[in-house]
C-alpha atoms as a PDB file:
ATOM      1  CA  MET A   1      90.309 116.496 132.683  1.00  0.00           C
ATOM      2  CA  LYS A   2      86.813 117.030 131.513  1.00  0.00           C
ATOM      3  CA  TYR A   3      87.486 119.069 128.610  1.00  0.00           C
ATOM      4  CA  LYS A   4      90.472 118.544 125.977  1.00  0.00           C
ATOM      5  CA  LEU A   5      89.619 121.182 123.498  1.00  0.00           C
ATOM      6  CA  LEU A   6      88.733 124.812 123.610  1.00  0.00           C
ATOM      7  CA  VAL A   7      86.967 126.335 120.347  1.00  0.00           C
ATOM      8  CA  LEU A   8      86.879 130.003 120.304  1.00  0.00           C
ATOM      9  CA  ASP A   9      85.240 132.477 117.915  1.00  0.00           C
ATOM     10  CA  VAL A  10      87.820 135.445 117.566  1.00  0.00           C
ATOM     11  CA  ASP A  11      85.776 138.792 116.861  1.00  0.00           C
ATOM     12  CA  GLY A  12      83.193 139.759 119.386  1.00  0.00           C
ATOM     13  CA  THR A  13      84.516 136.956 121.444  1.00  0.00           C
ATOM     14  CA  LEU A  14      88.339 136.208 122.143  1.00  0.00           C
ATOM     15  CA  LEU A  15      89.032 140.088 121.115  1.00  0.00           C
ATOM     16  CA  ASN A  16      87.408 143.062 122.910  1.00  0.00           C
ATOM     17  CA  LYS A  17      86.220 146.084 121.147  1.00  0.00           C
ATOM     18  CA  GLU A  18      89.649 147.251 120.277  1.00  0.00           C
ATOM     19  CA  LYS A  19      90.280 144.073 118.597  1.00  0.00           C
ATOM     20  CA  GLU A  20      92.795 143.325 121.296  1.00  0.00           C
ATOM     21  CA  ILE A  21      93.164 140.187 123.674  1.00  0.00           C
ATOM     22  CA  SER A  22      93.156 141.535 127.373  1.00  0.00           C
ATOM     23  CA  PRO A  23      95.777 140.442 129.900  1.00  0.00           C
ATOM     24  CA  ARG A  24      93.572 138.359 131.888  1.00  0.00           C
ATOM     25  CA  THR A  25      92.184 136.300 128.915  1.00  0.00           C
ATOM     26  CA  LEU A  26      95.847 135.925 127.585  1.00  0.00           C
ATOM     27  CA  SER A  27      97.020 134.840 130.956  1.00  0.00           C
ATOM     28  CA  THR A  28      94.209 132.301 131.135  1.00  0.00           C
ATOM     29  CA  LEU A  29      94.683 130.836 127.880  1.00  0.00           C
ATOM     30  CA  LEU A  30      98.198 130.360 128.414  1.00  0.00           C
ATOM     31  CA  LYS A  31      97.522 128.601 131.722  1.00  0.00           C
ATOM     32  CA  ILE A  32      95.098 125.882 130.154  1.00  0.00           C
ATOM     33  CA  GLN A  33      97.480 124.913 127.660  1.00  0.00           C
ATOM     34  CA  GLN A  34     100.122 124.392 129.750  1.00  0.00           C
ATOM     35  CA  MET A  35      97.854 122.099 131.723  1.00  0.00           C
ATOM     36  CA  GLY A  36      97.295 120.225 128.289  1.00  0.00           C
ATOM     37  CA  VAL A  37      94.014 121.879 126.747  1.00  0.00           C
ATOM     38  CA  ARG A  38      94.271 122.316 123.154  1.00  0.00           C
ATOM     39  CA  ILE A  39      92.767 125.638 121.602  1.00  0.00           C
ATOM     40  CA  VAL A  40      91.105 126.078 118.169  1.00  0.00           C
ATOM     41  CA  LEU A  41      90.702 129.519 116.801  1.00  0.00           C
ATOM     42  CA  ALA A  42      87.245 129.329 114.713  1.00  0.00           C
ATOM     43  CA  SER A  43      86.588 132.486 112.567  1.00  0.00           C
ATOM     44  CA  GLY A  44      85.328 133.804 109.438  1.00  0.00           C
ATOM     45  CA  ARG A  45      88.601 135.608 108.829  1.00  0.00           C
ATOM     46  CA  PRO A  46      91.247 134.350 106.401  1.00  0.00           C
ATOM     47  CA  THR A  47      94.134 132.302 107.571  1.00  0.00           C
ATOM     48  CA  PHE A  48      96.286 135.430 107.145  1.00  0.00           C
ATOM     49  CA  GLY A  49      94.365 137.247 109.783  1.00  0.00           C
ATOM     50  CA  ILE A  50      93.965 134.719 112.109  1.00  0.00           C
ATOM     51  CA  ARG A  51      97.432 133.648 112.343  1.00  0.00           C
ATOM     52  CA  PRO A  52      99.026 136.457 114.593  1.00  0.00           C
ATOM     53  CA  ILE A  53      96.347 136.072 117.032  1.00  0.00           C
ATOM     54  CA  ALA A  54      97.420 132.103 117.181  1.00  0.00           C
ATOM     55  CA  LEU A  55     101.005 133.251 117.581  1.00  0.00           C
ATOM     56  CA  LYS A  56     100.251 135.770 120.301  1.00  0.00           C
ATOM     57  CA  LEU A  57      98.350 132.601 122.082  1.00  0.00           C
ATOM     58  CA  GLU A  58     101.143 130.386 121.482  1.00  0.00           C
ATOM     59  CA  LEU A  59      99.342 127.820 119.629  1.00  0.00           C
ATOM     60  CA  ASP A  60     102.279 127.186 117.608  1.00  0.00           C
ATOM     61  CA  LYS A  61     103.967 125.885 120.840  1.00  0.00           C
ATOM     62  CA  ASN A  62     100.903 124.096 122.206  1.00  0.00           C
ATOM     63  CA  ASP A  63      99.403 121.998 119.367  1.00  0.00           C
ATOM     64  CA  GLY A  64      96.794 124.345 118.670  1.00  0.00           C
ATOM     65  CA  PHE A  65      94.575 124.875 115.415  1.00  0.00           C
ATOM     66  CA  ILE A  66      93.124 127.479 113.056  1.00  0.00           C
ATOM     67  CA  LEU A  67      89.649 126.891 111.740  1.00  0.00           C
ATOM     68  CA  SER A  68      89.522 129.641 109.202  1.00  0.00           C
ATOM     69  CA  TYR A  69      87.100 131.076 106.575  1.00  0.00           C
ATOM     70  CA  ASN A  70      83.986 129.948 108.954  1.00  0.00           C
ATOM     71  CA  GLY A  71      85.329 126.179 108.229  1.00  0.00           C
ATOM     72  CA  GLY A  72      86.901 126.447 104.944  1.00  0.00           C
ATOM     73  CA  GLN A  73      90.268 125.454 106.249  1.00  0.00           C
ATOM     74  CA  ILE A  74      91.902 123.733 109.210  1.00  0.00           C
ATOM     75  CA  ILE A  75      95.582 124.599 109.994  1.00  0.00           C
ATOM     76  CA  SER A  76      97.912 123.003 112.533  1.00  0.00           C
ATOM     77  CA  MET A  77      99.751 125.577 114.147  1.00  0.00           C
ATOM     78  CA  GLN A  78     102.572 123.493 115.540  1.00  0.00           C
ATOM     79  CA  LYS A  79     103.155 121.170 112.282  1.00  0.00           C
ATOM     80  CA  GLU A  80     102.403 124.286 109.857  1.00  0.00           C
ATOM     81  CA  GLU A  81     100.273 121.831 108.104  1.00  0.00           C
ATOM     82  CA  LEU A  82      97.019 122.221 106.207  1.00  0.00           C
ATOM     83  CA  LEU A  83      94.470 119.390 107.631  1.00  0.00           C
ATOM     84  CA  PHE A  84      91.402 120.255 105.580  1.00  0.00           C
ATOM     85  CA  GLU A  85      89.965 122.605 103.109  1.00  0.00           C
ATOM     86  CA  LYS A  86      87.023 122.961 100.576  1.00  0.00           C
ATOM     87  CA  ARG A  87      86.930 125.420  97.874  1.00  0.00           C
ATOM     88  CA  ILE A  88      84.549 127.473  95.531  1.00  0.00           C
ATOM     89  CA  ASN A  89      84.854 126.597  91.937  1.00  0.00           C
ATOM     90  CA  PRO A  90      86.070 129.527  90.036  1.00  0.00           C
ATOM     91  CA  GLU A  91      83.346 128.995  87.318  1.00  0.00           C
ATOM     92  CA  MET A  92      80.747 130.409  89.673  1.00  0.00           C
ATOM     93  CA  LEU A  93      82.288 133.540  90.260  1.00  0.00           C
ATOM     94  CA  ALA A  94      81.044 135.385  87.445  1.00  0.00           C
ATOM     95  CA  TYR A  95      77.614 134.303  88.070  1.00  0.00           C
ATOM     96  CA  LEU A  96      77.770 135.551  91.705  1.00  0.00           C
ATOM     97  CA  GLU A  97      79.624 138.808  90.951  1.00  0.00           C
ATOM     98  CA  LYS A  98      76.952 139.768  88.079  1.00  0.00           C
ATOM     99  CA  LYS A  99      74.040 139.210  90.182  1.00  0.00           C
ATOM    100  CA  ALA A 100      75.522 140.912  93.292  1.00  0.00           C
ATOM    101  CA  THR A 101      76.456 143.916  91.182  1.00  0.00           C
ATOM    102  CA  GLU A 102      73.044 144.135  89.433  1.00  0.00           C
ATOM    103  CA  SER A 103      71.556 144.313  92.739  1.00  0.00           C
ATOM    104  CA  GLY A 104      73.803 147.408  93.951  1.00  0.00           C
ATOM    105  CA  PHE A 105      76.652 145.730  95.865  1.00  0.00           C
ATOM    106  CA  ASP A 106      80.308 145.271  95.895  1.00  0.00           C
ATOM    107  CA  VAL A 107      82.262 141.889  95.874  1.00  0.00           C
ATOM    108  CA  PHE A 108      85.461 140.545  97.235  1.00  0.00           C
ATOM    109  CA  THR A 109      87.614 137.314  98.106  1.00  0.00           C
ATOM    110  CA  TYR A 110      90.842 136.379  99.912  1.00  0.00           C
ATOM    111  CA  HIS A 111      94.161 135.046  98.683  1.00  0.00           C
ATOM    112  CA  GLN A 112      97.171 134.573 100.792  1.00  0.00           C
ATOM    113  CA  ASP A 113      97.745 138.273 101.913  1.00  0.00           C
ATOM    114  CA  LYS A 114      95.608 139.920  99.607  1.00  0.00           C
ATOM    115  CA  ILE A 115      91.830 141.067  99.263  1.00  0.00           C
ATOM    116  CA  TYR A 116      90.773 140.897  95.628  1.00  0.00           C
ATOM    117  CA  THR A 117      87.637 143.315  95.118  1.00  0.00           C
ATOM    118  CA  ASN A 118      85.760 145.345  92.509  1.00  0.00           C
ATOM    119  CA  ASN A 119      85.435 148.419  94.609  1.00  0.00           C
ATOM    120  CA  PRO A 120      88.598 149.196  96.970  1.00  0.00           C
ATOM    121  CA  PHE A 121      86.387 152.244  98.473  1.00  0.00           C
ATOM    122  CA  ASN A 122      83.795 150.287  99.886  1.00  0.00           C
ATOM    123  CA  GLU A 123      83.924 151.221 103.502  1.00  0.00           C
ATOM    124  CA  TYR A 124      83.187 147.499 104.669  1.00  0.00           C
ATOM    125  CA  ILE A 125      86.065 146.031 102.452  1.00  0.00           C
ATOM    126  CA  THR A 126      88.365 148.678 103.555  1.00  0.00           C
ATOM    127  CA  ARG A 127      87.594 147.756 107.065  1.00  0.00           C
ATOM    128  CA  GLU A 128      87.984 143.916 106.186  1.00  0.00           C
ATOM    129  CA  ALA A 129      91.189 144.616 104.807  1.00  0.00           C
ATOM    130  CA  HIS A 130      92.620 146.799 107.971  1.00  0.00           C
ATOM    131  CA  ILE A 131      91.393 144.365 110.537  1.00  0.00           C
ATOM    132  CA  ASN A 132      93.126 141.367 108.547  1.00  0.00           C
ATOM    133  CA  ARG A 133      96.253 143.466 107.908  1.00  0.00           C
ATOM    134  CA  MET A 134      95.886 142.435 104.189  1.00  0.00           C
ATOM    135  CA  GLY A 135      96.592 144.209 101.103  1.00  0.00           C
ATOM    136  CA  VAL A 136      93.879 145.195  98.502  1.00  0.00           C
ATOM    137  CA  LEU A 137      93.915 144.491  94.383  1.00  0.00           C
ATOM    138  CA  SER A 138      91.091 145.965  92.580  1.00  0.00           C
ATOM    139  CA  PHE A 139      89.620 144.966  89.143  1.00  0.00           C
ATOM    140  CA  GLU A 140      86.673 146.652  87.693  1.00  0.00           C
ATOM    141  CA  ASN A 141      85.210 143.062  86.645  1.00  0.00           C
ATOM    142  CA  LEU A 142      86.834 140.933  89.072  1.00  0.00           C
ATOM    143  CA  ALA A 143      85.917 137.410  88.360  1.00  0.00           C
ATOM    144  CA  PRO A 144      88.186 137.128  85.141  1.00  0.00           C
ATOM    145  CA  HIS A 145      91.184 138.034  87.134  1.00  0.00           C
ATOM    146  CA  ILE A 146      90.459 135.242  89.847  1.00  0.00           C
ATOM    147  CA  ASP A 147      92.918 132.629  89.064  1.00  0.00           C
ATOM    148  CA  PHE A 148      92.537 130.637  91.981  1.00  0.00           C
ATOM    149  CA  ALA A 149      89.624 128.673  93.974  1.00  0.00           C
ATOM    150  CA  PRO A 150      88.467 130.745  96.706  1.00  0.00           C
ATOM    151  CA  CYS A 151      87.764 129.441 100.299  1.00  0.00           C
ATOM    152  CA  LYS A 152      84.535 131.905 100.219  1.00  0.00           C
ATOM    153  CA  PHE A 153      83.150 134.977  98.294  1.00  0.00           C
ATOM    154  CA  MET A 154      81.905 137.930  99.984  1.00  0.00           C
ATOM    155  CA  ILE A 155      79.096 140.465  98.781  1.00  0.00           C
ATOM    156  CA  ALA A 156      78.922 143.973 100.676  1.00  0.00           C
ATOM    157  CA  GLY A 157      76.673 146.805 100.831  1.00  0.00           C
ATOM    158  CA  LYS A 158      74.498 148.872 103.017  1.00  0.00           C
ATOM    159  CA  ARG A 159      70.893 147.767 102.006  1.00  0.00           C
ATOM    160  CA  GLU A 160      70.359 145.088 104.546  1.00  0.00           C
ATOM    161  CA  ASP A 161      66.998 144.548 102.983  1.00  0.00           C
ATOM    162  CA  HIS A 162      68.289 144.092  99.599  1.00  0.00           C
ATOM    163  CA  LEU A 163      70.889 141.716 101.012  1.00  0.00           C
ATOM    164  CA  ILE A 164      68.077 139.414 102.499  1.00  0.00           C
ATOM    165  CA  LYS A 165      66.498 139.126  99.223  1.00  0.00           C
ATOM    166  CA  LEU A 166      69.692 138.242  97.239  1.00  0.00           C
ATOM    167  CA  GLU A 167      70.212 135.515 100.109  1.00  0.00           C
ATOM    168  CA  GLU A 168      66.974 134.204  99.720  1.00  0.00           C
ATOM    169  CA  ARG A 169      67.223 134.105  95.888  1.00  0.00           C
ATOM    170  CA  TRP A 170      70.559 132.453  96.157  1.00  0.00           C
ATOM    171  CA  LYS A 171      69.458 129.631  98.897  1.00  0.00           C
ATOM    172  CA  LYS A 172      66.843 128.416  96.202  1.00  0.00           C
ATOM    173  CA  ARG A 173      69.226 128.872  93.203  1.00  0.00           C
ATOM    174  CA  LEU A 174      72.439 127.635  94.617  1.00  0.00           C
ATOM    175  CA  ASN A 175      70.955 124.701  97.031  1.00  0.00           C
ATOM    176  CA  GLY A 176      73.124 121.781  97.048  1.00  0.00           C
ATOM    177  CA  VAL A 177      76.249 123.402  95.153  1.00  0.00           C
ATOM    178  CA  LEU A 178      77.068 126.712  97.315  1.00  0.00           C
ATOM    179  CA  ASP A 179      75.872 127.653 101.013  1.00  0.00           C
ATOM    180  CA  VAL A 180      74.960 131.526 101.448  1.00  0.00           C
ATOM    181  CA  PHE A 181      74.173 133.233 104.805  1.00  0.00           C
ATOM    182  CA  ARG A 182      74.613 136.676 106.092  1.00  0.00           C
ATOM    183  CA  SER A 183      77.276 136.940 108.783  1.00  0.00           C
ATOM    184  CA  GLU A 184      76.800 140.734 109.408  1.00  0.00           C
ATOM    185  CA  PRO A 185      74.052 143.112 108.029  1.00  0.00           C
ATOM    186  CA  TYR A 186      76.432 144.243 105.518  1.00  0.00           C
ATOM    187  CA  PHE A 187      77.931 140.907 104.650  1.00  0.00           C
ATOM    188  CA  LEU A 188      76.530 138.077 102.681  1.00  0.00           C
ATOM    189  CA  GLU A 189      79.067 134.991 102.369  1.00  0.00           C
ATOM    190  CA  VAL A 190      79.001 132.264  99.823  1.00  0.00           C
ATOM    191  CA  VAL A 191      81.173 129.191 100.784  1.00  0.00           C
ATOM    192  CA  PRO A 192      81.299 125.452  99.505  1.00  0.00           C
ATOM    193  CA  ASN A 193      78.327 123.525 100.195  1.00  0.00           C
ATOM    194  CA  PHE A 194      78.143 121.968 104.024  1.00  0.00           C
ATOM    195  CA  ILE A 195      80.651 124.176 105.168  1.00  0.00           C
ATOM    196  CA  ASP A 196      80.224 125.962 108.529  1.00  0.00           C
ATOM    197  CA  LYS A 197      82.151 125.815 111.970  1.00  0.00           C
ATOM    198  CA  ALA A 198      80.504 122.723 113.169  1.00  0.00           C
ATOM    199  CA  ASN A 199      80.969 120.531 110.200  1.00  0.00           C
ATOM    200  CA  THR A 200      84.615 121.466 109.912  1.00  0.00           C
ATOM    201  CA  LEU A 201      85.262 121.052 113.593  1.00  0.00           C
ATOM    202  CA  GLY A 202      83.492 117.646 113.561  1.00  0.00           C
ATOM    203  CA  VAL A 203      86.624 116.788 110.882  1.00  0.00           C
ATOM    204  CA  LEU A 204      89.024 117.978 113.494  1.00  0.00           C
ATOM    205  CA  LEU A 205      87.369 116.116 116.169  1.00  0.00           C
ATOM    206  CA  GLU A 206      87.574 112.999 114.257  1.00  0.00           C
ATOM    207  CA  LYS A 207      91.276 113.544 113.293  1.00  0.00           C
ATOM    208  CA  LEU A 208      92.214 114.304 117.161  1.00  0.00           C
ATOM    209  CA  SER A 209      89.898 111.439 118.266  1.00  0.00           C
ATOM    210  CA  VAL A 210      88.448 113.692 120.627  1.00  0.00           C
ATOM    211  CA  LYS A 211      84.469 113.341 121.476  1.00  0.00           C
ATOM    212  CA  PRO A 212      82.001 116.499 121.251  1.00  0.00           C
ATOM    213  CA  GLU A 213      81.410 116.290 125.117  1.00  0.00           C
ATOM    214  CA  GLU A 214      85.248 116.826 125.665  1.00  0.00           C
ATOM    215  CA  VAL A 215      84.923 120.265 123.674  1.00  0.00           C
ATOM    216  CA  MET A 216      84.000 123.715 125.171  1.00  0.00           C
ATOM    217  CA  ALA A 217      83.082 126.218 122.437  1.00  0.00           C
ATOM    218  CA  ILE A 218      82.588 130.009 122.805  1.00  0.00           C
ATOM    219  CA  GLY A 219      81.053 132.357 120.620  1.00  0.00           C
ATOM    220  CA  ASP A 220      78.969 135.480 120.135  1.00  0.00           C
ATOM    221  CA  GLY A 221      77.408 135.733 116.464  1.00  0.00           C
ATOM    222  CA  VAL A 222      75.059 133.598 114.196  1.00  0.00           C
ATOM    223  CA  CYS A 223      77.930 131.764 112.525  1.00  0.00           C
ATOM    224  CA  ASP A 224      78.987 129.999 116.057  1.00  0.00           C
ATOM    225  CA  PHE A 225      75.528 128.625 116.450  1.00  0.00           C
ATOM    226  CA  SER A 226      76.146 125.350 115.191  1.00  0.00           C
ATOM    227  CA  MET A 227      79.602 124.821 116.992  1.00  0.00           C
ATOM    228  CA  ILE A 228      77.987 125.930 120.284  1.00  0.00           C
ATOM    229  CA  GLN A 229      75.354 123.242 119.931  1.00  0.00           C
ATOM    230  CA  LEU A 230      77.871 120.719 119.062  1.00  0.00           C
ATOM    231  CA  ALA A 231      80.146 121.157 121.883  1.00  0.00           C
ATOM    232  CA  GLY A 232      79.561 119.508 125.465  1.00  0.00           C
ATOM    233  CA  LEU A 233      79.590 122.930 126.770  1.00  0.00           C
ATOM    234  CA  GLY A 234      78.382 125.426 124.487  1.00  0.00           C
ATOM    235  CA  VAL A 235      78.856 129.250 125.886  1.00  0.00           C
ATOM    236  CA  ALA A 236      77.376 132.656 124.451  1.00  0.00           C
ATOM    237  CA  MET A 237      79.371 135.796 125.319  1.00  0.00           C
ATOM    238  CA  GLY A 238      77.270 138.572 126.965  1.00  0.00           C
ATOM    239  CA  ASN A 239      77.360 140.455 123.758  1.00  0.00           C
ATOM    240  CA  ALA A 240      75.847 137.794 121.860  1.00  0.00           C
ATOM    241  CA  GLN A 241      72.691 137.910 119.901  1.00  0.00           C
ATOM    242  CA  ASP A 242      69.623 136.659 121.707  1.00  0.00           C
ATOM    243  CA  SER A 243      69.406 133.434 119.329  1.00  0.00           C
ATOM    244  CA  VAL A 244      72.899 132.657 120.402  1.00  0.00           C
ATOM    245  CA  LYS A 245      72.268 133.034 124.013  1.00  0.00           C
ATOM    246  CA  ALA A 246      69.066 130.762 123.558  1.00  0.00           C
ATOM    247  CA  CYS A 247      71.233 127.944 122.163  1.00  0.00           C
ATOM    248  CA  ALA A 248      73.920 128.250 124.608  1.00  0.00           C
ATOM    249  CA  ASP A 249      74.533 126.038 127.816  1.00  0.00           C
ATOM    250  CA  ILE A 250      75.554 128.853 129.600  1.00  0.00           C
ATOM    251  CA  VAL A 251      75.973 132.873 129.059  1.00  0.00           C
ATOM    252  CA  THR A 252      79.253 134.476 130.363  1.00  0.00           C
ATOM    253  CA  THR A 253      79.932 138.337 130.354  1.00  0.00           C
ATOM    254  CA  SER A 254      80.773 140.424 127.362  1.00  0.00           C
ATOM    255  CA  ASN A 255      84.102 140.560 125.303  1.00  0.00           C
ATOM    256  CA  ASP A 256      84.758 143.686 127.113  1.00  0.00           C
ATOM    257  CA  GLU A 257      84.357 142.088 130.318  1.00  0.00           C
ATOM    258  CA  ASP A 258      86.763 139.136 130.156  1.00  0.00           C
ATOM    259  CA  GLY A 259      84.130 136.870 129.019  1.00  0.00           C
ATOM    260  CA  VAL A 260      86.287 134.353 127.953  1.00  0.00           C
ATOM    261  CA  ALA A 261      88.472 134.307 130.770  1.00  0.00           C
ATOM    262  CA  LEU A 262      85.553 134.100 133.113  1.00  0.00           C
ATOM    263  CA  ALA A 263      83.934 130.957 131.562  1.00  0.00           C
ATOM    264  CA  VAL A 264      87.297 129.372 131.028  1.00  0.00           C
ATOM    265  CA  GLU A 265      88.250 129.901 134.679  1.00  0.00           C
ATOM    266  CA  ASN A 266      84.975 128.634 135.926  1.00  0.00           C
ATOM    267  CA  ASN A 267      84.426 125.574 133.792  1.00  0.00           C
ATOM    268  CA  ILE A 268      87.979 124.370 132.884  1.00  0.00           C
ATOM    269  CA  LEU A 269      90.763 125.816 135.590  1.00  0.00           C
ATOM    270  CA  ALA A 270      88.366 125.195 138.565  1.00  0.00           C
ATOM    271  CA  GLU A 271      88.201 121.604 137.310  1.00  0.00           C
ATOM    272  CA  ILE A 272      92.181 121.252 136.785  1.00  0.00           C
ATOM    273  CA  HIS A 273      94.016 119.667 139.703  1.00  0.00           C
ATOM    274  CA  PRO A 274      98.002 119.584 138.840  1.00  0.00           C
ATOM    275  CA  SER A 275      98.582 116.437 140.724  1.00  0.00           C
ATOM    276  CA  GLU A 276      96.509 114.866 138.201  1.00  0.00           C
ATOM    277  CA  ILE A 277      98.680 115.739 135.426  1.00  0.00           C
ATOM    278  CA  PRO A 278     101.593 113.235 134.799  1.00  0.00           C
ATOM    279  CA  LEU A 279     104.980 115.155 135.904  1.00  0.00           C
ATOM    280  CA  ASP A 280     106.534 114.370 132.211  1.00  0.00           C
ATOM    281  CA  GLU A 281     103.490 116.236 130.713  1.00  0.00           C
ATOM    282  CA  LEU A 282     104.053 119.191 133.018  1.00  0.00           C
ATOM    283  CA  ASN A 283     107.663 119.402 132.091  1.00  0.00           C
ATOM    284  CA  ALA A 284     107.286 118.774 128.368  1.00  0.00           C
ATOM    285  CA  ARG A 285     105.066 121.847 128.470  1.00  0.00           C
ATOM    286  CA  ALA A 286     107.241 123.667 130.955  1.00  0.00           C
ATOM    287  CA  ARG A 287     109.457 124.904 128.018  1.00  0.00           C
ATOM    288  CA  HIS A 288     106.357 127.390 127.106  1.00  0.00           C
ATOM    289  CA  ALA A 289     105.312 128.382 130.206  1.00  0.00           C
ATOM    290  CA  LEU A 290     105.353 132.011 131.782  1.00  0.00           C
ATOM    291  CA  MET A 291     108.912 131.298 133.664  1.00  0.00           C
ATOM    292  CA  GLY A 292     110.324 129.246 130.554  1.00  0.00           C
ATOM    293  CA  ASN A 293     109.435 132.381 128.368  1.00  0.00           C
ATOM    294  CA  LEU A 294     111.387 134.542 130.650  1.00  0.00           C
ATOM    295  CA  GLY A 295     114.550 132.353 130.661  1.00  0.00           C
ATOM    296  CA  ILE A 296     113.981 130.727 134.053  1.00  0.00           C
ATOM    297  CA  GLN A 297     114.550 127.334 133.447  1.00  0.00           C
ATOM    298  CA  TYR A 298     112.962 124.773 135.775  1.00  0.00           C
ATOM    299  CA  THR A 299     111.701 121.069 136.561  1.00  0.00           C
ATOM    300  CA  TYR A 300     108.913 119.722 138.163  1.00  0.00           C
ATOM    301  CA  ALA A 301     109.945 117.420 141.168  1.00  0.00           C
ATOM    302  CA  SER A 302     106.631 116.843 142.258  1.00  0.00           C
ATOM    303  CA  ASP A 303     103.164 118.538 141.899  1.00  0.00           C
ATOM    304  CA  LYS A 304     104.022 120.839 144.849  1.00  0.00           C
ATOM    305  CA  ARG A 305     107.583 121.499 144.029  1.00  0.00           C
ATOM    306  CA  ILE A 306     109.790 123.198 141.091  1.00  0.00           C
ATOM    307  CA  GLU A 307     113.394 122.549 141.061  1.00  0.00           C
ATOM    308  CA  LEU A 308     115.815 125.059 139.585  1.00  0.00           C
ATOM    309  CA  PRO A 309     119.395 124.260 138.392  1.00  0.00           C
ATOM    310  CA  CYS A 310     121.169 127.394 139.378  1.00  0.00           C
ATOM    311  CA  ARG A 311     121.227 130.544 141.555  1.00  0.00           C
ATOM    312  CA  LEU A 312     118.680 133.482 140.350  1.00  0.00           C
ATOM    313  CA  THR A 313     119.927 137.110 140.096  1.00  0.00           C
ATOM    314  CA  SER A 314     117.609 139.413 142.191  1.00  0.00           C
ATOM    315  CA  GLU A 315     115.551 140.220 139.053  1.00  0.00           C
ATOM    316  CA  ARG A 316     114.847 136.847 138.160  1.00  0.00           C
ATOM    317  CA  ALA A 317     114.090 135.948 141.729  1.00  0.00           C
ATOM    318  CA  SER A 318     111.422 138.821 141.783  1.00  0.00           C
ATOM    319  CA  LEU A 319     110.061 137.310 138.410  1.00  0.00           C
ATOM    320  CA  LEU A 320     109.962 133.678 140.173  1.00  0.00           C
ATOM    321  CA  ALA A 321     108.018 134.952 142.871  1.00  0.00           C
ATOM    322  CA  PHE A 322     105.448 136.566 140.470  1.00  0.00           C
ATOM    323  CA  CYS A 323     105.149 133.010 138.261  1.00  0.00           C
ATOM    324  CA  THR A 324     104.986 131.347 141.709  1.00  0.00           C
ATOM    325  CA  ALA A 325     101.732 133.138 142.695  1.00  0.00           C
ATOM    326  CA  GLU A 326     100.678 132.756 139.191  1.00  0.00           C
ATOM    327  CA  GLN A 327     100.966 128.818 139.464  1.00  0.00           C
ATOM    328  CA  ARG A 328      99.153 128.780 142.854  1.00  0.00           C
ATOM    329  CA  SER A 329      96.287 130.660 141.353  1.00  0.00           C
ATOM    330  CA  LEU A 330      95.888 127.434 139.369  1.00  0.00           C
END
């Protein structure tokens, strides 16, 4: 099997405009996990905001991972274990808040299931809380109330031209201490030095003994640029920025056109031959496959034959017919 790891950005890539995983994409990603490909969700979202998506994809049952905060943390979903993290020194927050507010911007950060901010009415902060299903705690002077080291610190506001100027100043002022970049026209992100998706993905690859050429990565934004270049196969979404498309090996369709499913079907599923996968590995993963989740227990007797230990009801027989069709599509 050529690719052992599939790395997916979340917003604008895995999720469509309705912030949902399409049925085709969900089915495709469950299939490749059954065949032994592990999935990493790499996002700027906080861990709390990614976890429900990871559970829907059954990463907890298939040894998948969350790479959150644009690289600030790595979480093993199966082991519920923090594998890596890097945080900002809280002593830096007063300076960041002061300079941001002087430039007319609001600030916020994340902690567990809450967003901490100096302005809960900022439309971008409100949207961020809604997307991640997080509560909001508000303090007029935020920094003195932060008694934890955040994974990242966010600046939010409408004036992109002013945000660009602040970014340029901070890149010089904070060089070697913190990294600064715009993830959206209205967001400026401050993260620990050397933190981005590619650098943190490199840490995970080393832990898993996986080579970059055994990785397929899909994304749409500037924060995905580095991981797309690192991967053996870098894929840009059809809705990606032109600069992202230029650095990718291939371009798939948009996130509203099942772009992830299409790329995975053509470049992973098309290369997988069930006969090449050991039966014990197939049986180990069968517990979490579609039929297993429907309560139909089965065993692979060969790459072409599945054995069931008991007689099925008519309802489950219908389900089996559907699942068999799904299996043949591999």
